[in-house]
Amino acid sequence: MDEHRPGRLKVWTPLLFSLILVFGMTLGFNLRDSLRTKRDIQTIIERNDRLEQIIDLIKEKYVDTVNANLLYQDAIMGILSHLDPHTTYIPTDEIQEVTEDLEGSFFGIGVEFSIIRDTIQVTSVVEQGPSERAGVNIGDQLIKVGDSTVAGTGITSERIIAMLKGKQNTHVKVTMKEPGGNNMKQVVIKRDVIPLFSVEAAIMLDETTGLIKIDRFAATTYEEFMKAMKTLKKQGMQQLIVDVRQNPGGYLDAATNIADEFLDGSKMIVYTQGKRSSRMEYKANKPGIFEQGRLAILVDESSASASEILAGAVQDWDRGIIVGRRTYGKGLVQEQYEMDDGAALRLTIAKYYTPSGRSIQRSYAMGKDAYAADFAHRFETGELTGYDTTGVLDTMRYYTSRKRVVYGSGGIAPDIYVPYDTARLSSGMLNILFSEDVKNAVWDYYVKNRTALKSFRTYKDFSEGFDADVLVNNYLSNINANRRKAVSYVLKQSKQDGYFRLQLKAQLARILYRNNGYYYISMQADNVVVRAQQALNNNQYLGFIGR
């Protein structure tokens, strides 16, 4: 057998050398790439050293005193100014607030308040929260936090929030004045987790139509949505309106999970792709709670990102109708990277695309200033007020599942366009509604009549049985003659007068029944909601979704 080994070695020698050659070439290429990467990193370090040198020279030699942290921050903002409008730097002192908003909770005492006549009035108490357990009631006035007096001129909401927030299970002592008297009470409250709800309201508009309003897509949004859906279905809901107007977006998963509840099978909801990010598809993957039944999504020019994902998926699959005005047009995906000092960078890494393949990101080629001025441009051109409903359309057409034409690169265009109600939202009306006088009049009425108002067991009872004339009269009697004359001029039109009364009634309902009460009443005069209900309640709905 030994005699045959030299021959076998001769046969295998060329193959062996070939394998060694291939291995060597592969190793060489990998080393080249590795060294290139090292050179890139070294270049970055050198550039960072140059930035450090410049700032050090300024600190040591500059004629005036400078803040080095501000110099670094300005340098960062200068770098980001060359990128897209949604890549952002979040400084250390802002990261907690941003995180709390998206994570859906913070540590505090569980009250909402309003500053009325330089006094902090408790306007809402979280059910079963720390303050309710400690005996705090709506209408109580906050006089002291610890030994610090917080009533009087110059007090700000930001200062009060900072004093009331703290670590979980720590205690804060507050001094309260009970409403309608001079009785003082000292209360020790143990701070705990306070939820920040992203589902603002879940109500039945009529016997069969439910409405869920989502103000952002946070970590807890899907859980809140499912709870709201189950509650509404028990109340007889057969058709649904989802309101994402003024919703700036948030977590992608929250939007895709909700979309999955509407879409059957394994339909695609959205996909993302970037130059250095491979394509990632998000599909329906479970039986949904509302795959059947008529559906409307309400949008406007402030519905962005995750809101547009939800609306785009529903529209592309002809699952429901989109009602309102063209959405914001943000189709960029950000990933957050933590910095060593606690700050964060939200860097755009990909674009997202609706199931039909359209990108809804509007152009930012003209710069960030022009991009930010889009709302004003839409108003000036008449797009928001009904004079021009075409909006910005891509030159390329896309098609829904039933071959309806849709467009990209400028937001989601609604199936049913509803302009601003300019008569109700005139500058005169807005100045009245958002005035301190109106806020004070509603609050004063509540404090004086809070016992009698308990006779309205639900917001529906309140809506049917309460006459808003008393609120209007209370308001008019507490403003000076010149102001009263100006208000009377605005309210002489019956449409505006009715709207004003309804809004005062809705503000009182918010105090009594929280957001569900407010939206149940205010949406009775909401032209987008009214138009969506009309479409859902007749055969026009089938025409809009191509069936």
Foldseek 3Di string as FASTA:
>chain_A
DVVCVVVVCVVCVVVVVVVVVVVVVVVVVVVVVVVVVVVVVVVVVVVVVVVVVVLVCCCVPPPDHDDSVVVVVVVVVVVCQVDDPPWDWFDQVRVVVVQCQQQFKAKFQAFDWDQAPQWTFTLGGDVVGQCVVQPDDGGKIWQDKAPHGQGDPPHDPVVVVVSGGDDAQDKIWTWIAHFPDGDIDITITGIHMDGRAQFQAWQALDQAEIEIEGQEQHPCHQVVVVVSLVVVVVSHHQAYEYEHELRQYHDLVSLLSQLLLQADDFAWLKWKDAPPRHIDTRTNDDHHPPNDGEYEYEYEQNRHDSSLSNVLQCQQQLSYFYFEFFYNQDFWAWDWDADPVNMIITDTGIGMAGSQGAGAHADCVVGDVVSVCVVVVCVVVCCQPPPDVPFDFDPDWTAGPLGDTFGHRHGGGGLHYDHDPCLQVPPLNVCVLPDSLLVVLLSVVCSVCVVVVVVQPDLVSLLVPPFLPVSVVSSLVPDDPVVNVSNCVSLVPPVNVVLSSLQSSLVNLCSVPNSNSNCSRNVVPVVRSVVSVVLSVDPVRCVSSND
